[in-house]
Protein backbone atom coordinates (compact mmCIF):
# COMPACT_ATOMS: atom_id res chain seq x y z
CA UNK A 1 11.04 -7.18 -5.15
CA UNK A 2 12.22 -10.11 -7.27
CA UNK A 3 10.06 -13.19 -7.71
CA UNK A 4 12.67 -15.22 -5.81
CA UNK A 5 12.51 -12.79 -2.86
CA UNK A 6 8.71 -13.00 -2.91
CA UNK A 7 8.87 -16.79 -2.69
CA UNK A 8 11.35 -16.52 0.18
CA UNK A 9 8.99 -14.15 2.03
CA UNK A 10 6.11 -16.54 1.40
CA UNK A 11 8.28 -19.37 2.74
CA UNK A 12 8.87 -17.40 5.92
CA UNK A 13 5.12 -16.93 6.29
CA UNK A 14 4.59 -20.68 5.81
CA UNK A 15 6.72 -21.33 8.88
CA UNK A 16 3.98 -19.64 10.93
CA UNK A 17 1.12 -21.74 9.49
CA UNK A 18 -1.33 -23.40 11.86
CA UNK A 19 -1.72 -26.89 10.44
CA UNK A 20 -2.44 -29.42 13.22
CA UNK A 21 -4.54 -31.64 10.91
CA UNK A 22 -2.80 -31.86 7.54
CA UNK A 23 0.71 -30.77 8.45
CA UNK A 24 0.81 -29.00 5.05
CA UNK A 25 2.27 -25.54 5.59
CA UNK A 26 1.52 -22.89 2.98
CA UNK A 27 2.64 -19.29 2.90
CA UNK A 28 1.69 -16.43 0.62
CA UNK A 29 2.57 -12.82 0.07
CA UNK A 30 0.77 -10.17 -1.95
CA UNK A 31 2.27 -6.97 -3.26
CA UNK A 32 0.75 -3.64 -4.18
CA UNK A 33 1.77 -1.19 -6.89
CA UNK A 34 3.90 0.78 -4.42
CA UNK A 35 5.77 -2.37 -3.36
CA UNK A 36 4.08 -2.94 -0.02
CA UNK A 37 4.11 -6.64 0.90
CA UNK A 38 1.45 -8.39 2.98
CA UNK A 39 1.89 -11.97 4.17
CA UNK A 40 -0.36 -14.81 5.21
CA UNK A 41 -0.20 -18.46 6.25
CA UNK A 42 -2.84 -21.14 6.14
CA UNK A 43 -4.94 -21.54 9.27
CA UNK A 44 -6.63 -24.92 9.63
CA UNK A 45 -9.75 -25.66 11.61
CA UNK A 46 -11.29 -28.96 12.75
CA UNK A 47 -14.35 -27.91 10.74
CA UNK A 48 -12.49 -28.11 7.41
CA UNK A 49 -14.62 -25.61 5.46
CA UNK A 50 -13.59 -23.00 8.04
CA UNK A 51 -9.92 -23.40 7.13
CA UNK A 52 -8.29 -20.30 5.65
CA UNK A 53 -5.88 -20.56 2.73
CA UNK A 54 -2.61 -18.64 2.99
CA UNK A 55 -3.57 -16.58 -0.05
CA UNK A 56 -6.90 -15.63 1.53
CA UNK A 57 -5.14 -14.57 4.73
CA UNK A 58 -2.58 -12.46 2.81
CA UNK A 59 -5.29 -10.83 0.68
CA UNK A 60 -7.39 -10.21 3.78
CA UNK A 61 -4.36 -8.64 5.48
CA UNK A 62 -3.92 -6.28 2.52
CA UNK A 63 -7.62 -5.42 2.29
CA UNK A 64 -7.86 -4.82 6.04
CA UNK A 65 -4.96 -2.38 5.60
CA UNK A 66 -6.95 -0.44 3.00
CA UNK A 67 -5.60 -1.94 -0.23
CA UNK A 68 -7.94 -2.63 -3.12
CA UNK A 69 -5.62 -3.33 -6.05
CA UNK A 70 -2.98 -6.01 -5.72
CA UNK A 71 -0.14 -6.71 -8.14
CA UNK A 72 1.46 -10.09 -7.42
CA UNK A 73 0.64 -13.08 -5.25
CA UNK A 74 3.43 -15.56 -4.45
CA UNK A 75 2.58 -18.88 -2.83
CA UNK A 76 4.81 -21.70 -1.64
CA UNK A 77 4.79 -24.76 0.58
CA UNK A 78 7.98 -26.06 2.16
CA UNK A 79 6.20 -29.43 2.25
CA UNK A 80 5.59 -29.80 -1.51
CA UNK A 81 7.73 -29.25 -4.59
CA UNK A 82 5.12 -26.87 -6.01
CA UNK A 83 1.69 -25.65 -5.00
CA UNK A 84 -0.92 -23.57 -6.80
CA UNK A 85 -3.78 -21.51 -5.34
CA UNK A 86 -7.16 -23.23 -5.11
CA UNK A 87 -10.07 -22.08 -7.29
CA UNK A 88 -11.63 -19.93 -4.58
CA UNK A 89 -8.35 -18.09 -4.03
CA UNK A 90 -7.91 -17.63 -7.77
CA UNK A 91 -11.32 -15.95 -7.94
CA UNK A 92 -10.43 -13.89 -4.87
CA UNK A 93 -7.33 -12.69 -6.77
CA UNK A 94 -9.48 -11.73 -9.75
CA UNK A 95 -11.60 -9.58 -7.43
CA UNK A 96 -8.54 -7.52 -6.50
CA UNK A 97 -6.98 -7.34 -9.99
CA UNK A 98 -3.88 -9.44 -9.27
CA UNK A 99 -1.64 -9.32 -12.34
CA UNK A 100 0.62 -12.32 -11.69
CA UNK A 101 0.83 -15.43 -9.53
CA UNK A 102 4.30 -16.71 -8.65
CA UNK A 103 4.88 -20.30 -7.57
CA UNK A 104 7.91 -22.55 -7.29
CA UNK A 105 8.53 -24.03 -10.72
CA UNK A 106 9.68 -27.55 -11.58
CA UNK A 107 13.32 -26.41 -11.57
CA UNK A 108 12.99 -24.98 -8.06
CA UNK A 109 13.02 -21.39 -9.28
CA UNK A 110 10.09 -19.00 -9.59
CA UNK A 111 7.43 -19.58 -12.23
CA UNK A 112 5.06 -16.73 -13.09
CA UNK A 113 1.48 -17.16 -14.34
CA UNK A 114 -1.34 -14.81 -15.22
CA UNK A 115 -4.79 -15.27 -13.77
CA UNK A 116 -6.11 -15.67 -17.30
CA UNK A 117 -3.90 -18.79 -17.53
CA UNK A 118 -4.95 -20.09 -14.12
CA UNK A 119 -8.65 -19.17 -14.18
CA UNK A 120 -10.07 -18.79 -17.68
CA UNK A 121 -13.67 -17.64 -17.72
CA UNK A 122 -13.46 -16.02 -14.30
CA UNK A 123 -16.24 -13.90 -12.88
CA UNK A 124 -14.28 -10.85 -14.06
CA UNK A 125 -14.95 -12.00 -17.60
CA UNK A 126 -18.65 -12.34 -16.76
CA UNK A 127 -18.72 -8.99 -14.91
CA UNK A 128 -17.17 -7.15 -17.85
CA UNK A 129 -19.39 -8.75 -20.49
């Protein structure tokens, strides 16, 4: 699936976000090596630390389905020009060997990043030392 199609699928997931407090909808999709796509949307909670990021929901969806190695994560918010995964989600992606993260770039098209770019010195680096 193209990066643009992944962002579109993430955008569809964002429409289902539960965001009664911030109003900031975020959607994410993750793909596996065989092309299976799992989606997630952010789920807010009045106790803010209990809020779930869209990326965490999508990764949890994949893991609950038996996946252990993920290829790509795409994340988008229809409420912002561009959004990147938080630090916790970046580390979560490291745990499942995500190869690329796709976000909406400054020109409105897809922009692809590696986790090494987004999270240098991750716990993978420590684990493999």
